[in-house]
N, C-alpha and C. Protein backbone atom coordinates (compact mmCIF):
# COMPACT_ATOMS: atom_id res chain seq x y z
N MET A 1 0.80 -1.09 0.08
CA MET A 1 -0.07 0.00 -0.05
C MET A 1 0.74 1.17 0.06
N HIS A 2 0.22 2.32 -0.64
CA HIS A 2 1.13 3.61 -0.78
C HIS A 2 0.77 4.32 0.40
N PRO A 3 1.55 5.06 1.11
CA PRO A 3 1.26 5.95 2.17
C PRO A 3 0.20 6.89 1.83
N GLN A 4 -0.50 7.45 2.49
CA GLN A 4 -1.52 8.27 2.11
C GLN A 4 -0.89 9.73 2.14
N ARG A 5 -1.34 10.54 1.37
CA ARG A 5 -0.82 11.83 1.27
C ARG A 5 -2.00 12.60 1.88
N SER A 6 -1.49 14.02 2.73
CA SER A 6 -2.56 14.66 3.29
C SER A 6 -3.26 15.49 2.28
N ALA A 7 -4.62 15.57 2.36
CA ALA A 7 -5.49 16.34 1.45
C ALA A 7 -5.27 17.85 1.58
N ILE A 8 -4.23 18.22 0.90
CA ILE A 8 -4.06 19.89 1.11
C ILE A 8 -4.49 20.35 -0.30
N ASN A 9 -5.30 21.31 -0.30
CA ASN A 9 -5.86 22.04 -1.44
C ASN A 9 -4.63 22.84 -2.20
N PRO A 10 -4.25 22.48 -3.33
CA PRO A 10 -3.09 23.18 -4.00
C PRO A 10 -3.03 24.76 -3.92
N LEU A 11 -4.49 25.18 -3.86
CA LEU A 11 -4.42 26.79 -3.89
C LEU A 11 -4.14 27.27 -2.46
N GLN A 12 -4.22 26.64 -1.55
CA GLN A 12 -3.71 26.91 -0.14
C GLN A 12 -2.24 27.31 -0.17
N ARG A 13 -1.63 26.59 -1.06
CA ARG A 13 0.09 27.09 -1.03
C ARG A 13 0.18 28.35 -1.66
N LEU A 14 -0.83 28.61 -2.50
CA LEU A 14 -0.71 29.95 -3.22
C LEU A 14 -1.30 31.15 -2.31
N GLN A 15 -1.96 31.13 -1.74
CA GLN A 15 -2.59 32.08 -0.86
C GLN A 15 -1.44 32.77 0.17
N ALA A 16 -1.97 34.22 0.39
CA ALA A 16 -1.09 35.01 1.06
C ALA A 16 -1.02 34.41 2.63
N LYS A 17 0.22 34.66 3.08
CA LYS A 17 0.38 34.20 4.53
C LYS A 17 -0.44 34.84 5.38
N THR A 18 -0.94 34.22 6.41
CA THR A 18 -1.96 34.76 7.37
C THR A 18 -1.23 34.79 8.89
N THR A 19 -0.05 34.33 8.76
CA THR A 19 0.79 34.31 10.11
C THR A 19 1.23 35.92 10.41
N LEU A 20 1.42 36.29 11.63
CA LEU A 20 1.82 37.55 12.35
C LEU A 20 3.42 37.11 12.66
N LYS A 21 4.06 38.26 12.58
CA LYS A 21 5.45 38.14 12.94
C LYS A 21 5.94 39.43 13.70
N PRO A 22 6.66 39.54 14.66
CA PRO A 22 7.11 40.73 15.22
C PRO A 22 8.20 41.22 14.55
N ILE A 23 8.20 42.67 14.28
CA ILE A 23 8.78 43.43 13.52
C ILE A 23 9.51 44.42 14.28
N GLN A 24 10.89 44.62 14.50
CA GLN A 24 11.54 45.42 15.20
C GLN A 24 11.57 46.93 14.41
N PHE A 25 11.39 48.04 15.20
CA PHE A 25 11.41 49.34 14.62
C PHE A 25 12.29 50.10 15.51
N TYR A 26 13.22 50.92 14.99
CA TYR A 26 14.44 51.72 15.57
C TYR A 26 14.08 53.16 15.09
N CYS A 27 14.37 53.98 16.05
CA CYS A 27 14.26 55.57 15.49
C CYS A 27 15.38 56.09 16.45
N ALA A 28 16.28 56.82 15.51
CA ALA A 28 17.43 57.37 16.25
C ALA A 28 17.11 58.87 16.54
N ALA A 29 16.69 59.12 17.85
CA ALA A 29 16.42 60.46 18.31
C ALA A 29 16.79 60.64 19.76
N PRO A 30 18.26 60.78 19.72
CA PRO A 30 18.79 60.61 21.17
C PRO A 30 18.28 61.86 22.02
N GLU A 31 17.96 63.06 21.62
CA GLU A 31 17.35 64.10 22.38
C GLU A 31 15.95 64.17 22.73
N ALA A 32 15.31 63.32 22.09
CA ALA A 32 13.79 63.23 22.43
C ALA A 32 13.52 62.61 23.94
N LYS A 33 12.46 63.10 24.31
CA LYS A 33 11.68 62.89 25.74
C LYS A 33 10.88 61.82 25.36
N GLU A 34 10.07 61.61 24.29
CA GLU A 34 9.30 60.49 24.08
C GLU A 34 9.15 60.24 22.82
N VAL A 35 9.10 58.85 22.35
CA VAL A 35 8.93 58.46 20.84
C VAL A 35 7.65 57.44 20.74
N PHE A 36 6.87 57.27 19.91
CA PHE A 36 5.86 56.52 19.66
C PHE A 36 5.99 56.11 18.07
N ILE A 37 5.33 54.81 17.88
CA ILE A 37 5.21 54.57 16.45
C ILE A 37 3.83 54.26 16.15
N LEU A 38 3.17 55.19 15.10
CA LEU A 38 1.89 55.21 14.75
C LEU A 38 1.71 54.70 13.31
N GLY A 39 0.59 54.04 12.90
CA GLY A 39 0.50 53.38 11.54
C GLY A 39 -0.89 52.73 11.34
N ASP A 40 -1.03 52.28 10.07
CA ASP A 40 -2.28 51.65 9.84
C ASP A 40 -2.42 50.43 10.70
N PHE A 41 -1.59 49.98 11.38
CA PHE A 41 -1.69 48.62 12.12
C PHE A 41 -2.39 48.93 13.49
N ASN A 42 -2.21 50.36 13.96
CA ASN A 42 -3.02 50.77 15.25
C ASN A 42 -3.81 51.87 14.94
N ASP A 43 -4.42 52.13 13.70
CA ASP A 43 -5.54 53.01 13.29
C ASP A 43 -4.95 54.44 13.66
N TRP A 44 -3.51 54.63 13.38
CA TRP A 44 -2.63 55.93 13.57
C TRP A 44 -2.76 56.48 15.02
N SER A 45 -3.07 55.57 16.13
CA SER A 45 -2.98 55.92 17.40
C SER A 45 -1.61 56.65 17.78
N PRO A 46 -1.68 57.87 18.33
CA PRO A 46 -0.32 58.43 18.89
C PRO A 46 0.11 58.21 20.23
N THR A 47 -0.60 57.12 20.69
CA THR A 47 -0.08 56.71 22.10
C THR A 47 -0.13 55.30 22.47
N SER A 48 -0.75 54.31 21.43
CA SER A 48 -0.81 52.92 21.70
C SER A 48 0.60 52.28 21.60
N HIS A 49 1.56 52.59 20.84
CA HIS A 49 2.80 52.03 20.89
C HIS A 49 4.07 52.76 21.33
N PRO A 50 4.09 53.09 22.52
CA PRO A 50 5.48 53.80 23.05
C PRO A 50 6.70 52.98 22.66
N MET A 51 7.74 53.59 22.46
CA MET A 51 9.02 53.07 22.01
C MET A 51 9.84 53.41 23.33
N LYS A 52 11.01 52.44 23.58
CA LYS A 52 11.83 52.50 24.65
C LYS A 52 13.24 52.99 24.28
N LYS A 53 13.76 53.79 25.01
CA LYS A 53 15.01 54.45 24.69
C LYS A 53 15.99 53.60 25.14
N GLY A 54 17.11 53.19 24.24
CA GLY A 54 18.12 52.52 24.54
C GLY A 54 19.39 53.23 25.06
N PHE A 55 20.53 52.61 25.45
CA PHE A 55 21.52 53.40 26.17
C PHE A 55 22.46 54.16 25.05
N ASP A 56 22.22 53.90 23.76
CA ASP A 56 22.97 54.61 22.74
C ASP A 56 21.95 55.76 22.10
N GLY A 57 20.67 55.98 22.78
CA GLY A 57 19.91 57.17 22.27
C GLY A 57 18.98 56.53 21.22
N THR A 58 18.91 55.37 20.94
CA THR A 58 18.00 54.80 19.77
C THR A 58 16.76 54.26 20.53
N TRP A 59 15.62 54.50 19.91
CA TRP A 59 14.47 54.14 20.48
C TRP A 59 14.09 53.04 19.63
N GLN A 60 13.37 51.95 20.41
CA GLN A 60 12.89 50.60 19.78
C GLN A 60 11.68 50.09 20.28
N THR A 61 11.07 49.44 19.54
CA THR A 61 9.84 48.65 19.78
C THR A 61 9.77 47.34 18.78
N SER A 62 8.91 46.53 19.21
CA SER A 62 8.41 45.39 18.25
C SER A 62 7.02 45.64 18.10
N VAL A 63 6.64 45.31 16.79
CA VAL A 63 4.96 45.53 16.44
C VAL A 63 4.82 44.28 15.80
N THR A 64 3.83 43.45 16.07
CA THR A 64 3.21 42.33 15.55
C THR A 64 2.77 42.64 14.30
N LEU A 65 2.96 42.27 13.13
CA LEU A 65 2.38 42.82 11.81
C LEU A 65 2.01 41.41 10.81
N GLY A 66 1.01 41.57 10.21
CA GLY A 66 0.45 40.60 9.03
C GLY A 66 1.55 40.59 7.74
N HIS A 67 1.32 39.72 6.96
CA HIS A 67 1.72 39.94 5.71
C HIS A 67 1.29 41.06 4.69
N GLY A 68 2.30 41.56 4.04
CA GLY A 68 1.70 42.78 3.30
C GLY A 68 2.26 44.16 3.67
N GLY A 69 2.04 45.17 2.85
CA GLY A 69 2.55 46.54 3.14
C GLY A 69 1.85 47.18 4.20
N HIS A 70 2.69 47.91 5.23
CA HIS A 70 2.08 48.57 6.26
C HIS A 70 2.82 50.03 6.14
N HIS A 71 1.84 51.14 6.32
CA HIS A 71 2.29 52.51 6.38
C HIS A 71 2.40 52.88 7.97
N TYR A 72 3.71 53.65 8.13
CA TYR A 72 3.67 54.00 9.54
C TYR A 72 4.69 55.37 9.48
N GLN A 73 4.77 56.12 10.93
CA GLN A 73 5.52 57.10 11.16
C GLN A 73 5.91 56.99 12.55
N PHE A 74 7.22 57.75 13.03
CA PHE A 74 7.32 57.90 14.25
C PHE A 74 6.80 59.23 14.84
N LEU A 75 6.54 59.18 15.85
CA LEU A 75 6.00 60.59 16.60
C LEU A 75 6.96 60.83 17.66
N VAL A 76 7.87 61.86 17.38
CA VAL A 76 9.00 62.26 18.09
C VAL A 76 8.68 63.64 18.68
N ASP A 77 8.47 63.55 20.11
CA ASP A 77 8.09 64.73 20.89
C ASP A 77 7.04 65.40 20.38
N GLY A 78 5.95 64.85 19.85
CA GLY A 78 4.65 65.22 19.22
C GLY A 78 4.74 65.68 17.74
N LYS A 79 5.81 65.41 17.06
CA LYS A 79 5.96 65.57 15.59
C LYS A 79 6.30 64.47 14.92
N ARG A 80 5.43 64.27 13.89
CA ARG A 80 5.45 63.24 12.92
C ARG A 80 6.50 63.23 12.07
N VAL A 81 7.47 61.99 12.04
CA VAL A 81 8.74 62.01 11.44
C VAL A 81 8.80 60.64 10.47
N ASN A 82 9.21 60.54 9.34
CA ASN A 82 9.30 59.46 8.68
C ASN A 82 10.52 58.58 8.79
N ASP A 83 10.50 57.46 8.82
CA ASP A 83 11.65 56.63 8.90
C ASP A 83 12.70 56.61 8.00
N PRO A 84 13.96 57.09 8.19
CA PRO A 84 14.92 57.27 7.14
C PRO A 84 15.37 55.67 6.55
N ARG A 85 15.20 54.68 7.56
CA ARG A 85 15.56 53.39 7.11
C ARG A 85 14.29 52.67 6.64
N ALA A 86 13.28 53.21 6.20
CA ALA A 86 12.04 52.44 5.66
C ALA A 86 12.53 51.81 4.42
N GLN A 87 11.57 50.92 4.10
CA GLN A 87 11.83 50.38 2.75
C GLN A 87 11.29 50.98 1.73
N GLY A 88 10.54 52.02 1.87
CA GLY A 88 10.05 52.96 1.00
C GLY A 88 9.04 54.10 1.60
N LEU A 89 8.58 55.02 0.73
CA LEU A 89 7.61 55.86 1.04
C LEU A 89 6.47 55.85 0.16
N ALA A 90 5.13 56.20 0.86
CA ALA A 90 3.96 56.05 0.18
C ALA A 90 3.12 57.33 0.56
N ARG A 91 2.04 57.50 0.15
CA ARG A 91 1.13 58.48 0.51
C ARG A 91 -0.11 58.07 1.03
N ASN A 92 -0.48 58.65 2.35
CA ASN A 92 -1.61 58.43 2.99
C ASN A 92 -2.79 58.82 2.39
N LEU A 93 -4.13 58.81 3.23
CA LEU A 93 -5.07 59.25 2.33
C LEU A 93 -5.22 60.89 2.18
N GLN A 94 -4.52 61.50 3.05
CA GLN A 94 -4.37 62.89 2.84
C GLN A 94 -3.34 63.32 1.85
N GLY A 95 -2.76 62.33 1.31
CA GLY A 95 -1.57 62.74 0.20
C GLY A 95 -0.22 63.11 0.82
N GLU A 96 -0.22 62.79 2.24
CA GLU A 96 1.13 63.11 2.90
C GLU A 96 2.09 61.87 2.72
N LYS A 97 3.29 62.08 2.60
CA LYS A 97 4.33 60.88 2.62
C LYS A 97 4.49 60.33 3.87
N VAL A 98 4.45 59.00 4.01
CA VAL A 98 4.51 58.23 5.25
C VAL A 98 5.59 56.92 4.79
N SER A 99 6.19 56.41 5.79
CA SER A 99 7.12 55.32 5.75
C SER A 99 6.31 54.13 5.35
N MET A 100 6.97 53.27 4.60
CA MET A 100 6.37 51.86 4.19
C MET A 100 7.37 50.59 4.54
N ILE A 101 6.58 49.65 5.03
CA ILE A 101 7.50 48.50 5.14
C ILE A 101 6.68 47.22 4.70
N LEU A 102 7.50 46.36 4.02
CA LEU A 102 6.71 45.26 3.52
C LEU A 102 6.99 43.85 4.44
N VAL A 103 6.02 43.14 4.63
CA VAL A 103 6.13 41.96 5.52
C VAL A 103 5.66 40.82 4.83
N SER A 104 6.78 39.80 4.89
CA SER A 104 6.46 38.45 4.03
C SER A 104 6.53 37.51 4.86
């Protein structure tokens, strides 16, 4: 007898990933008093994702994101700042430039 193969739909292999993965974000702002990350993943909330300052003055946090493109910005002492290390720039609904990251 032949071993049975699992009945996997071939289309399932082609579908976008539904897994979530932690993504590290870094913001170089050594003089800042507080830094947050906001984006489409938190409805652009200015306070839901605070970043922690490291010894070198770099702020960091981890955000769990799903597959696809995500738009975001840093909020440095109340001022929105794009990420110079972003994978690209995009425009939000107001036509303003925002940072972009692709998660696969």
